[in-house]
Amino acid sequence: MSTVAEIREAIRQLPAEEAWQLAQELRDHLDALWDQQFEEDVQAGRLDAVIARAREEHASGKTRPMDEIIGDE
């Protein structure tokens, strides 16, 4: 297995098109890892307090429609 330093050097040697392709593949991989971690956190109840707080704030009228926030009315 290559070390991170060796991988970095190999990336520097790639033609631009291959480097961009690798970057996209790495982003996709990291996105999948993030999704997996999120699902694990949900299943383990690590987000329960955040969800409860959001529901309480919504029920008490402290929220606004998303289109008001991002300006897509």
PDB file of N, CA and C in Angstrom:
ATOM      1  N   MET A   1       0.846  -1.185   0.000  1.00  0.00           N
ATOM      2  CA  MET A   1       0.000   0.000   0.000  1.00  0.00           C
ATOM      3  C   MET A   1       0.883   1.237   0.000  1.00  0.00           C
ATOM      4  N   SER A   2       0.489   2.211  -0.738  1.00  0.00           N
ATOM      5  CA  SER A   2       1.243   3.453  -0.821  1.00  0.00           C
ATOM      6  C   SER A   2       0.989   4.327   0.396  1.00  0.00           C
ATOM      7  N   THR A   3       1.966   5.124   0.729  1.00  0.00           N
ATOM      8  CA  THR A   3       1.771   6.088   1.798  1.00  0.00           C
ATOM      9  C   THR A   3       1.033   7.295   1.242  1.00  0.00           C
ATOM     10  N   VAL A   4       0.504   8.099   2.141  1.00  0.00           N
ATOM     11  CA  VAL A   4      -0.198   9.306   1.712  1.00  0.00           C
ATOM     12  C   VAL A   4       0.755  10.202   0.928  1.00  0.00           C
ATOM     13  N   ALA A   5       1.992  10.305   1.361  1.00  0.00           N
ATOM     14  CA  ALA A   5       2.976  11.134   0.647  1.00  0.00           C
ATOM     15  C   ALA A   5       3.180  10.618  -0.771  1.00  0.00           C
ATOM     16  N   GLU A   6       3.235   9.298  -0.934  1.00  0.00           N
ATOM     17  CA  GLU A   6       3.411   8.721  -2.275  1.00  0.00           C
ATOM     18  C   GLU A   6       2.185   8.975  -3.141  1.00  0.00           C
ATOM     19  N   ILE A   7       1.019   8.877  -2.529  1.00  0.00           N
ATOM     20  CA  ILE A   7      -0.217   9.142  -3.275  1.00  0.00           C
ATOM     21  C   ILE A   7      -0.269  10.601  -3.717  1.00  0.00           C
ATOM     22  N   ARG A   8       0.093  11.501  -2.813  1.00  0.00           N
ATOM     23  CA  ARG A   8       0.105  12.928  -3.171  1.00  0.00           C
ATOM     24  C   ARG A   8       1.038  13.181  -4.346  1.00  0.00           C
ATOM     25  N   GLU A   9       2.202  12.592  -4.303  1.00  0.00           N
ATOM     26  CA  GLU A   9       3.172  12.793  -5.385  1.00  0.00           C
ATOM     27  C   GLU A   9       2.640  12.207  -6.686  1.00  0.00           C
ATOM     28  N   ALA A  10       2.010  11.052  -6.615  1.00  0.00           N
ATOM     29  CA  ALA A  10       1.439  10.452  -7.817  1.00  0.00           C
ATOM     30  C   ALA A  10       0.351  11.342  -8.401  1.00  0.00           C
ATOM     31  N   ILE A  11      -0.447  11.948  -7.544  1.00  0.00           N
ATOM     32  CA  ILE A  11      -1.500  12.852  -8.013  1.00  0.00           C
ATOM     33  C   ILE A  11      -0.893  14.034  -8.741  1.00  0.00           C
ATOM     34  N   ARG A  12       0.190  14.556  -8.217  1.00  0.00           N
ATOM     35  CA  ARG A  12       0.860  15.699  -8.865  1.00  0.00           C
ATOM     36  C   ARG A  12       1.368  15.353 -10.267  1.00  0.00           C
ATOM     37  N   GLN A  13       1.576  14.081 -10.513  1.00  0.00           N
ATOM     38  CA  GLN A  13       2.080  13.644 -11.811  1.00  0.00           C
ATOM     39  C   GLN A  13       0.970  13.376 -12.832  1.00  0.00           C
ATOM     40  N   LEU A  14      -0.262  13.380 -12.387  1.00  0.00           N
ATOM     41  CA  LEU A  14      -1.380  13.078 -13.281  1.00  0.00           C
ATOM     42  C   LEU A  14      -1.622  14.204 -14.276  1.00  0.00           C
ATOM     43  N   PRO A  15      -2.053  13.843 -15.470  1.00  0.00           N
ATOM     44  CA  PRO A  15      -2.538  14.873 -16.400  1.00  0.00           C
ATOM     45  C   PRO A  15      -3.771  15.541 -15.796  1.00  0.00           C
ATOM     46  N   ALA A  16      -4.013  16.766 -16.178  1.00  0.00           N
ATOM     47  CA  ALA A  16      -5.106  17.556 -15.595  1.00  0.00           C
ATOM     48  C   ALA A  16      -6.449  16.825 -15.651  1.00  0.00           C
ATOM     49  N   GLU A  17      -6.779  16.240 -16.780  1.00  0.00           N
ATOM     50  CA  GLU A  17      -8.074  15.575 -16.917  1.00  0.00           C
ATOM     51  C   GLU A  17      -8.219  14.426 -15.923  1.00  0.00           C
ATOM     52  N   GLU A  18      -7.162  13.647 -15.749  1.00  0.00           N
ATOM     53  CA  GLU A  18      -7.216  12.541 -14.794  1.00  0.00           C
ATOM     54  C   GLU A  18      -7.263  13.052 -13.356  1.00  0.00           C
ATOM     55  N   ALA A  19      -6.587  14.150 -13.085  1.00  0.00           N
ATOM     56  CA  ALA A  19      -6.617  14.732 -11.736  1.00  0.00           C
ATOM     57  C   ALA A  19      -8.028  15.203 -11.404  1.00  0.00           C
ATOM     58  N   TRP A  20      -8.712  15.839 -12.360  1.00  0.00           N
ATOM     59  CA  TRP A  20     -10.090  16.286 -12.133  1.00  0.00           C
ATOM     60  C   TRP A  20     -11.015  15.094 -11.930  1.00  0.00           C
ATOM     61  N   GLN A  21     -10.802  14.036 -12.705  1.00  0.00           N
ATOM     62  CA  GLN A  21     -11.618  12.832 -12.548  1.00  0.00           C
ATOM     63  C   GLN A  21     -11.393  12.223 -11.166  1.00  0.00           C
ATOM     64  N   LEU A  22     -10.144  12.152 -10.737  1.00  0.00           N
ATOM     65  CA  LEU A  22      -9.837  11.622  -9.417  1.00  0.00           C
ATOM     66  C   LEU A  22     -10.474  12.479  -8.322  1.00  0.00           C
ATOM     67  N   ALA A  23     -10.424  13.788  -8.500  1.00  0.00           N
ATOM     68  CA  ALA A  23     -11.023  14.693  -7.512  1.00  0.00           C
ATOM     69  C   ALA A  23     -12.516  14.426  -7.386  1.00  0.00           C
ATOM     70  N   GLN A  24     -13.197  14.211  -8.510  1.00  0.00           N
ATOM     71  CA  GLN A  24     -14.630  13.915  -8.468  1.00  0.00           C
ATOM     72  C   GLN A  24     -14.886  12.586  -7.769  1.00  0.00           C
ATOM     73  N   GLU A  25     -14.067  11.590  -8.068  1.00  0.00           N
ATOM     74  CA  GLU A  25     -14.231  10.290  -7.426  1.00  0.00           C
ATOM     75  C   GLU A  25     -13.993  10.391  -5.921  1.00  0.00           C
ATOM     76  N   LEU A  26     -13.022  11.189  -5.514  1.00  0.00           N
ATOM     77  CA  LEU A  26     -12.756  11.372  -4.087  1.00  0.00           C
ATOM     78  C   LEU A  26     -13.914  12.093  -3.411  1.00  0.00           C
ATOM     79  N   ARG A  27     -14.463  13.127  -4.078  1.00  0.00           N
ATOM     80  CA  ARG A  27     -15.636  13.819  -3.518  1.00  0.00           C
ATOM     81  C   ARG A  27     -16.806  12.852  -3.357  1.00  0.00           C
ATOM     82  N   ASP A  28     -17.015  12.019  -4.363  1.00  0.00           N
ATOM     83  CA  ASP A  28     -18.107  11.037  -4.289  1.00  0.00           C
ATOM     84  C   ASP A  28     -17.887  10.070  -3.129  1.00  0.00           C
ATOM     85  N   HIS A  29     -16.650   9.628  -2.969  1.00  0.00           N
ATOM     86  CA  HIS A  29     -16.316   8.710  -1.876  1.00  0.00           C
ATOM     87  C   HIS A  29     -16.546   9.381  -0.516  1.00  0.00           C
ATOM     88  N   LEU A  30     -16.088  10.613  -0.372  1.00  0.00           N
ATOM     89  CA  LEU A  30     -16.266  11.335   0.890  1.00  0.00           C
ATOM     90  C   LEU A  30     -17.737  11.611   1.171  1.00  0.00           C
ATOM     91  N   ASP A  31     -18.501  11.914   0.125  1.00  0.00           N
ATOM     92  CA  ASP A  31     -19.943  12.110   0.297  1.00  0.00           C
ATOM     93  C   ASP A  31     -20.598  10.825   0.811  1.00  0.00           C
ATOM     94  N   ALA A  32     -20.183   9.681   0.270  1.00  0.00           N
ATOM     95  CA  ALA A  32     -20.746   8.402   0.705  1.00  0.00           C
ATOM     96  C   ALA A  32     -20.370   8.124   2.161  1.00  0.00           C
ATOM     97  N   LEU A  33     -19.140   8.447   2.534  1.00  0.00           N
ATOM     98  CA  LEU A  33     -18.732   8.273   3.930  1.00  0.00           C
ATOM     99  C   LEU A  33     -19.553   9.160   4.848  1.00  0.00           C
ATOM    100  N   TRP A  34     -19.797  10.407   4.427  1.00  0.00           N
ATOM    101  CA  TRP A  34     -20.607  11.336   5.215  1.00  0.00           C
ATOM    102  C   TRP A  34     -22.026  10.790   5.391  1.00  0.00           C
ATOM    103  N   ASP A  35     -22.614  10.320   4.284  1.00  0.00           N
ATOM    104  CA  ASP A  35     -23.965   9.758   4.350  1.00  0.00           C
ATOM    105  C   ASP A  35     -24.013   8.577   5.308  1.00  0.00           C
ATOM    106  N   GLN A  36     -23.015   7.712   5.240  1.00  0.00           N
ATOM    107  CA  GLN A  36     -22.961   6.547   6.115  1.00  0.00           C
ATOM    108  C   GLN A  36     -22.854   6.982   7.579  1.00  0.00           C
ATOM    109  N   GLN A  37     -22.001   7.964   7.859  1.00  0.00           N
ATOM    110  CA  GLN A  37     -21.854   8.443   9.232  1.00  0.00           C
ATOM    111  C   GLN A  37     -23.145   9.061   9.737  1.00  0.00           C
ATOM    112  N   PHE A  38     -23.801   9.828   8.874  1.00  0.00           N
ATOM    113  CA  PHE A  38     -25.069  10.455   9.245  1.00  0.00           C
ATOM    114  C   PHE A  38     -26.100   9.394   9.594  1.00  0.00           C
ATOM    115  N   GLU A  39     -26.216   8.381   8.743  1.00  0.00           N
ATOM    116  CA  GLU A  39     -27.179   7.310   9.011  1.00  0.00           C
ATOM    117  C   GLU A  39     -26.863   6.593  10.320  1.00  0.00           C
ATOM    118  N   GLU A  40     -25.591   6.350  10.573  1.00  0.00           N
ATOM    119  CA  GLU A  40     -25.195   5.715  11.834  1.00  0.00           C
ATOM    120  C   GLU A  40     -25.556   6.598  13.027  1.00  0.00           C
ATOM    121  N   ASP A  41     -25.339   7.894  12.886  1.00  0.00           N
ATOM    122  CA  ASP A  41     -25.675   8.824  13.967  1.00  0.00           C
ATOM    123  C   ASP A  41     -27.179   8.858  14.220  1.00  0.00           C
ATOM    124  N   VAL A  42     -27.968   8.848  13.159  1.00  0.00           N
ATOM    125  CA  VAL A  42     -29.427   8.834  13.309  1.00  0.00           C
ATOM    126  C   VAL A  42     -29.861   7.556  14.010  1.00  0.00           C
ATOM    127  N   GLN A  43     -29.373   6.428  13.530  1.00  0.00           N
ATOM    128  CA  GLN A  43     -29.754   5.142  14.109  1.00  0.00           C
ATOM    129  C   GLN A  43     -29.343   5.028  15.579  1.00  0.00           C
ATOM    130  N   ALA A  44     -28.205   5.641  15.933  1.00  0.00           N
ATOM    131  CA  ALA A  44     -27.714   5.565  17.311  1.00  0.00           C
ATOM    132  C   ALA A  44     -28.367   6.599  18.221  1.00  0.00           C
ATOM    133  N   GLY A  45     -29.210   7.477  17.643  1.00  0.00           N
ATOM    134  CA  GLY A  45     -29.896   8.478  18.450  1.00  0.00           C
ATOM    135  C   GLY A  45     -29.069   9.708  18.766  1.00  0.00           C
ATOM    136  N   ARG A  46     -27.923   9.867  18.095  1.00  0.00           N
ATOM    137  CA  ARG A  46     -27.051  11.006  18.386  1.00  0.00           C
ATOM    138  C   ARG A  46     -27.646  12.344  17.961  1.00  0.00           C
ATOM    139  N   LEU A  47     -28.661  12.301  17.120  1.00  0.00           N
ATOM    140  CA  LEU A  47     -29.274  13.547  16.642  1.00  0.00           C
ATOM    141  C   LEU A  47     -30.638  13.805  17.267  1.00  0.00           C
ATOM    142  N   ASP A  48     -31.040  12.948  18.169  1.00  0.00           N
ATOM    143  CA  ASP A  48     -32.373  13.074  18.770  1.00  0.00           C
ATOM    144  C   ASP A  48     -32.588  14.429  19.435  1.00  0.00           C
ATOM    145  N   ALA A  49     -31.600  14.924  20.170  1.00  0.00           N
ATOM    146  CA  ALA A  49     -31.755  16.215  20.854  1.00  0.00           C
ATOM    147  C   ALA A  49     -31.886  17.357  19.846  1.00  0.00           C
ATOM    148  N   VAL A  50     -31.132  17.286  18.768  1.00  0.00           N
ATOM    149  CA  VAL A  50     -31.203  18.329  17.737  1.00  0.00           C
ATOM    150  C   VAL A  50     -32.568  18.296  17.057  1.00  0.00           C
ATOM    151  N   ILE A  51     -33.029  17.099  16.748  1.00  0.00           N
ATOM    152  CA  ILE A  51     -34.342  16.956  16.110  1.00  0.00           C
ATOM    153  C   ILE A  51     -35.438  17.468  17.027  1.00  0.00           C
ATOM    154  N   ALA A  52     -35.382  17.126  18.300  1.00  0.00           N
ATOM    155  CA  ALA A  52     -36.397  17.580  19.260  1.00  0.00           C
ATOM    156  C   ALA A  52     -36.410  19.095  19.359  1.00  0.00           C
ATOM    157  N   ARG A  53     -35.225  19.687  19.397  1.00  0.00           N
ATOM    158  CA  ARG A  53     -35.154  21.154  19.486  1.00  0.00           C
ATOM    159  C   ARG A  53     -35.737  21.798  18.239  1.00  0.00           C
ATOM    160  N   ALA A  54     -35.422  21.259  17.078  1.00  0.00           N
ATOM    161  CA  ALA A  54     -35.952  21.809  15.830  1.00  0.00           C
ATOM    162  C   ALA A  54     -37.476  21.714  15.797  1.00  0.00           C
ATOM    163  N   ARG A  55     -38.000  20.592  16.246  1.00  0.00           N
ATOM    164  CA  ARG A  55     -39.459  20.435  16.270  1.00  0.00           C
ATOM    165  C   ARG A  55     -40.105  21.410  17.236  1.00  0.00           C
ATOM    166  N   GLU A  56     -39.478  21.621  18.392  1.00  0.00           N
ATOM    167  CA  GLU A  56     -40.008  22.581  19.370  1.00  0.00           C
ATOM    168  C   GLU A  56     -39.999  23.991  18.798  1.00  0.00           C
ATOM    169  N   GLU A  57     -38.905  24.369  18.165  1.00  0.00           N
ATOM    170  CA  GLU A  57     -38.825  25.712  17.593  1.00  0.00           C
ATOM    171  C   GLU A  57     -39.834  25.899  16.480  1.00  0.00           C
ATOM    172  N   HIS A  58     -40.027  24.867  15.678  1.00  0.00           N
ATOM    173  CA  HIS A  58     -41.024  24.971  14.607  1.00  0.00           C
ATOM    174  C   HIS A  58     -42.426  25.099  15.190  1.00  0.00           C
ATOM    175  N   ALA A  59     -42.729  24.284  16.187  1.00  0.00           N
ATOM    176  CA  ALA A  59     -44.053  24.317  16.816  1.00  0.00           C
ATOM    177  C   ALA A  59     -44.336  25.654  17.484  1.00  0.00           C
ATOM    178  N   SER A  60     -43.299  26.334  17.948  1.00  0.00           N
ATOM    179  CA  SER A  60     -43.497  27.618  18.624  1.00  0.00           C
ATOM    180  C   SER A  60     -43.396  28.794  17.651  1.00  0.00           C
ATOM    181  N   GLY A  61     -43.314  28.516  16.359  1.00  0.00           N
ATOM    182  CA  GLY A  61     -43.318  29.582  15.359  1.00  0.00           C
ATOM    183  C   GLY A  61     -41.992  30.283  15.163  1.00  0.00           C
ATOM    184  N   LYS A  62     -40.920  29.669  15.571  1.00  0.00           N
ATOM    185  CA  LYS A  62     -39.601  30.298  15.444  1.00  0.00           C
ATOM    186  C   LYS A  62     -38.904  29.985  14.120  1.00  0.00           C
ATOM    187  N   THR A  63     -39.598  29.342  13.203  1.00  0.00           N
ATOM    188  CA  THR A  63     -38.993  28.986  11.918  1.00  0.00           C
ATOM    189  C   THR A  63     -39.634  29.781  10.793  1.00  0.00           C
ATOM    190  N   ARG A  64     -38.936  29.804   9.662  1.00  0.00           N
ATOM    191  CA  ARG A  64     -39.453  30.472   8.465  1.00  0.00           C
ATOM    192  C   ARG A  64     -39.341  29.513   7.293  1.00  0.00           C
ATOM    193  N   PRO A  65     -40.156  29.711   6.274  1.00  0.00           N
ATOM    194  CA  PRO A  65     -40.031  28.875   5.075  1.00  0.00           C
ATOM    195  C   PRO A  65     -38.639  29.041   4.443  1.00  0.00           C
ATOM    196  N   MET A  66     -38.119  27.964   3.902  1.00  0.00           N
ATOM    197  CA  MET A  66     -36.791  27.977   3.316  1.00  0.00           C
ATOM    198  C   MET A  66     -36.658  29.012   2.199  1.00  0.00           C
ATOM    199  N   ASP A  67     -37.704  29.178   1.378  1.00  0.00           N
ATOM    200  CA  ASP A  67     -37.599  30.132   0.282  1.00  0.00           C
ATOM    201  C   ASP A  67     -37.436  31.567   0.773  1.00  0.00           C
ATOM    202  N   GLU A  68     -37.911  31.888   1.964  1.00  0.00           N
ATOM    203  CA  GLU A  68     -37.670  33.207   2.545  1.00  0.00           C
ATOM    204  C   GLU A  68     -36.197  33.383   2.906  1.00  0.00           C
ATOM    205  N   ILE A  69     -35.587  32.324   3.368  1.00  0.00           N
ATOM    206  CA  ILE A  69     -34.209  32.388   3.816  1.00  0.00           C
ATOM    207  C   ILE A  69     -33.256  32.490   2.638  1.00  0.00           C
ATOM    208  N   ILE A  70     -33.489  31.692   1.583  1.00  0.00           N
ATOM    209  CA  ILE A  70     -32.554  31.691   0.462  1.00  0.00           C
ATOM    210  C   ILE A  70     -32.968  32.652  -0.653  1.00  0.00           C
ATOM    211  N   GLY A  71     -34.124  33.258  -0.542  1.00  0.00           N
ATOM    212  CA  GLY A  71     -34.533  34.275  -1.488  1.00  0.00           C
ATOM    213  C   GLY A  71     -35.165  33.755  -2.768  1.00  0.00           C
ATOM    214  N   ASP A  72     -35.589  32.504  -2.793  1.00  0.00           N
ATOM    215  CA  ASP A  72     -36.247  31.946  -3.973  1.00  0.00           C
ATOM    216  C   ASP A  72     -37.749  31.988  -3.782  1.00  0.00           C
ATOM    217  N   GLU A  73     -38.287  33.186  -3.816  1.00  0.00           N
ATOM    218  CA  GLU A  73     -39.719  33.335  -3.545  1.00  0.00           C
ATOM    219  C   GLU A  73     -40.562  33.047  -4.757  1.00  0.00           C
TER     220      GLU A  73
END
